[in-house]
Amino acid sequence: MVLIREGAYVISRTIGAPRNVTLSGVGFATKLVLADYADQAVIENAHPEAYVDSNIVIEDLQIDARAQTQPRIWERSHPTRLVVLLLEKLCICIQ
């Protein structure tokens, strides 16, 4: 388990989540914010092309993708962008 303590964290590179990992915050006090014009995912599978990552849990945190400052992120899609088997107390903010 990876514990992300309370605070706002600006993410400028995608976090690669490997199989069998839990990314856990401390509720709404933990917030991952995509950097302006980073134009990428906040979290995705560590091996998105190999389809090998599973059992990824993201819980008790906020993700703010700041869509208004990401010019191309919503123009493309990928079926393995994020595999989440359990979402618990998760707030995804798309503005």
C-alpha atoms as a PDB file:
ATOM      1  CA  MET A   1       0.000   0.000   0.000  1.00  0.00           C
ATOM      2  CA  VAL A   2       1.167   3.513  -0.826  1.00  0.00           C
ATOM      3  CA  LEU A   3      -0.106   6.126   1.615  1.00  0.00           C
ATOM      4  CA  ILE A   4      -0.349   9.660   0.258  1.00  0.00           C
ATOM      5  CA  ARG A   5      -0.514  12.024   3.207  1.00  0.00           C
ATOM      6  CA  GLU A   6      -2.795  15.027   3.369  1.00  0.00           C
ATOM      7  CA  GLY A   7      -1.959  17.909   1.076  1.00  0.00           C
ATOM      8  CA  ALA A   8      -2.335  19.021  -2.522  1.00  0.00           C
ATOM      9  CA  TYR A   9       0.162  17.428  -4.892  1.00  0.00           C
ATOM     10  CA  VAL A  10       0.736  18.846  -8.368  1.00  0.00           C
ATOM     11  CA  ILE A  11       1.291  15.989 -10.793  1.00  0.00           C
ATOM     12  CA  SER A  12       3.345  16.838 -13.881  1.00  0.00           C
ATOM     13  CA  ARG A  13       3.991  13.226 -15.005  1.00  0.00           C
ATOM     14  CA  THR A  14       1.598  10.292 -15.045  1.00  0.00           C
ATOM     15  CA  ILE A  15       1.732   8.031 -11.994  1.00  0.00           C
ATOM     16  CA  GLY A  16       2.166   4.447 -13.191  1.00  0.00           C
ATOM     17  CA  ALA A  17       0.242   2.064 -10.956  1.00  0.00           C
ATOM     18  CA  PRO A  18       1.572  -1.517 -11.034  1.00  0.00           C
ATOM     19  CA  ARG A  19      -0.507  -4.600 -10.316  1.00  0.00           C
ATOM     20  CA  ASN A  20      -1.594  -5.364  -6.762  1.00  0.00           C
ATOM     21  CA  VAL A  21      -1.150  -1.864  -5.395  1.00  0.00           C
ATOM     22  CA  THR A  22      -3.360   0.366  -3.269  1.00  0.00           C
ATOM     23  CA  LEU A  23      -2.926   4.141  -3.526  1.00  0.00           C
ATOM     24  CA  SER A  24      -4.571   5.500  -0.414  1.00  0.00           C
ATOM     25  CA  GLY A  25      -5.039   9.079   0.739  1.00  0.00           C
ATOM     26  CA  VAL A  26      -6.559  10.459   3.923  1.00  0.00           C
ATOM     27  CA  GLY A  27      -9.910  11.515   2.465  1.00  0.00           C
ATOM     28  CA  PHE A  28     -10.572  14.915   0.946  1.00  0.00           C
ATOM     29  CA  ALA A  29      -7.426  16.187   2.664  1.00  0.00           C
ATOM     30  CA  THR A  30      -5.403  14.396  -0.056  1.00  0.00           C
ATOM     31  CA  LYS A  31      -5.690  15.922  -3.524  1.00  0.00           C
ATOM     32  CA  LEU A  32      -3.798  15.059  -6.717  1.00  0.00           C
ATOM     33  CA  VAL A  33      -3.915  18.002  -9.143  1.00  0.00           C
ATOM     34  CA  LEU A  34      -2.756  17.653 -12.736  1.00  0.00           C
ATOM     35  CA  ALA A  35      -0.312  20.444 -13.598  1.00  0.00           C
ATOM     36  CA  ASP A  36      -1.502  23.058 -16.084  1.00  0.00           C
ATOM     37  CA  TYR A  37      -0.881  21.921 -19.676  1.00  0.00           C
ATOM     38  CA  ALA A  38       0.594  18.586 -18.583  1.00  0.00           C
ATOM     39  CA  ASP A  39      -1.846  17.024 -21.062  1.00  0.00           C
ATOM     40  CA  GLN A  40      -1.651  13.466 -19.740  1.00  0.00           C
ATOM     41  CA  ALA A  41      -3.392  11.102 -17.369  1.00  0.00           C
ATOM     42  CA  VAL A  42      -2.961  11.572 -13.630  1.00  0.00           C
ATOM     43  CA  ILE A  43      -2.809   7.813 -12.968  1.00  0.00           C
ATOM     44  CA  GLU A  44      -2.656   4.922 -15.407  1.00  0.00           C
ATOM     45  CA  ASN A  45      -1.558   1.311 -15.471  1.00  0.00           C
ATOM     46  CA  ALA A  46       2.211   0.936 -15.188  1.00  0.00           C
ATOM     47  CA  HIS A  47       2.162  -1.252 -18.313  1.00  0.00           C
ATOM     48  CA  PRO A  48      -0.808   0.081 -20.338  1.00  0.00           C
ATOM     49  CA  GLU A  49       0.056  -1.733 -23.564  1.00  0.00           C
ATOM     50  CA  ALA A  50       0.708  -5.132 -21.976  1.00  0.00           C
ATOM     51  CA  TYR A  51      -2.665  -5.573 -20.206  1.00  0.00           C
ATOM     52  CA  VAL A  52      -0.929  -7.130 -17.191  1.00  0.00           C
ATOM     53  CA  ASP A  53      -1.841  -4.735 -14.385  1.00  0.00           C
ATOM     54  CA  SER A  54      -4.816  -5.646 -12.229  1.00  0.00           C
ATOM     55  CA  ASN A  55      -5.975  -5.355  -8.638  1.00  0.00           C
ATOM     56  CA  ILE A  56      -5.271  -1.608  -8.554  1.00  0.00           C
ATOM     57  CA  VAL A  57      -7.117   0.197  -5.772  1.00  0.00           C
ATOM     58  CA  ILE A  58      -7.360   3.978  -5.451  1.00  0.00           C
ATOM     59  CA  GLU A  59      -9.114   5.166  -2.307  1.00  0.00           C
ATOM     60  CA  ASP A  60      -9.715   8.097  -0.004  1.00  0.00           C
ATOM     61  CA  LEU A  61      -8.389  10.916  -2.199  1.00  0.00           C
ATOM     62  CA  GLN A  62      -9.399  13.536  -4.756  1.00  0.00           C
ATOM     63  CA  ILE A  63      -8.169  13.776  -8.344  1.00  0.00           C
ATOM     64  CA  ASP A  64      -8.488  17.109 -10.126  1.00  0.00           C
ATOM     65  CA  ALA A  65      -7.625  16.710 -13.825  1.00  0.00           C
ATOM     66  CA  ARG A  66      -8.049  20.454 -14.489  1.00  0.00           C
ATOM     67  CA  ALA A  67      -9.614  19.774 -17.897  1.00  0.00           C
ATOM     68  CA  GLN A  68      -9.758  23.461 -18.778  1.00  0.00           C
ATOM     69  CA  THR A  69      -5.943  23.567 -18.891  1.00  0.00           C
ATOM     70  CA  GLN A  70      -5.392  20.258 -20.724  1.00  0.00           C
ATOM     71  CA  PRO A  71      -5.833  20.959 -24.448  1.00  0.00           C
ATOM     72  CA  ARG A  72      -5.591  17.429 -25.836  1.00  0.00           C
ATOM     73  CA  ILE A  73      -6.179  14.960 -23.006  1.00  0.00           C
ATOM     74  CA  TRP A  74      -9.877  14.550 -23.777  1.00  0.00           C
ATOM     75  CA  GLU A  75      -9.326  14.117 -27.551  1.00  0.00           C
ATOM     76  CA  ARG A  76      -7.801  10.667 -27.195  1.00  0.00           C
ATOM     77  CA  SER A  77      -8.827   7.584 -25.318  1.00  0.00           C
ATOM     78  CA  HIS A  78      -7.239   4.287 -24.428  1.00  0.00           C
ATOM     79  CA  PRO A  79      -9.055   1.221 -23.066  1.00  0.00           C
ATOM     80  CA  THR A  80      -6.467   0.661 -20.325  1.00  0.00           C
ATOM     81  CA  ARG A  81      -6.087   4.270 -19.264  1.00  0.00           C
ATOM     82  CA  LEU A  82      -7.012   3.347 -15.746  1.00  0.00           C
ATOM     83  CA  VAL A  83      -8.144  -0.008 -14.419  1.00  0.00           C
ATOM     84  CA  VAL A  84      -9.686   0.391 -11.014  1.00  0.00           C
ATOM     85  CA  LEU A  85     -11.350  -2.555  -9.354  1.00  0.00           C
ATOM     86  CA  LEU A  86     -12.424  -0.639  -6.275  1.00  0.00           C
ATOM     87  CA  LEU A  87     -13.316   3.019  -5.915  1.00  0.00           C
ATOM     88  CA  GLU A  88     -13.995   4.037  -2.358  1.00  0.00           C
ATOM     89  CA  LYS A  89     -14.506   7.639  -1.217  1.00  0.00           C
ATOM     90  CA  LEU A  90     -12.993   8.932  -4.425  1.00  0.00           C
ATOM     91  CA  CYS A  91     -13.799  12.321  -5.896  1.00  0.00           C
ATOM     92  CA  ILE A  92     -12.830  12.948  -9.523  1.00  0.00           C
ATOM     93  CA  CYS A  93     -13.107  16.625 -10.387  1.00  0.00           C
ATOM     94  CA  ILE A  94     -13.445  17.540 -14.059  1.00  0.00           C
ATOM     95  CA  GLN A  95     -13.826  21.271 -14.547  1.00  0.00           C
END
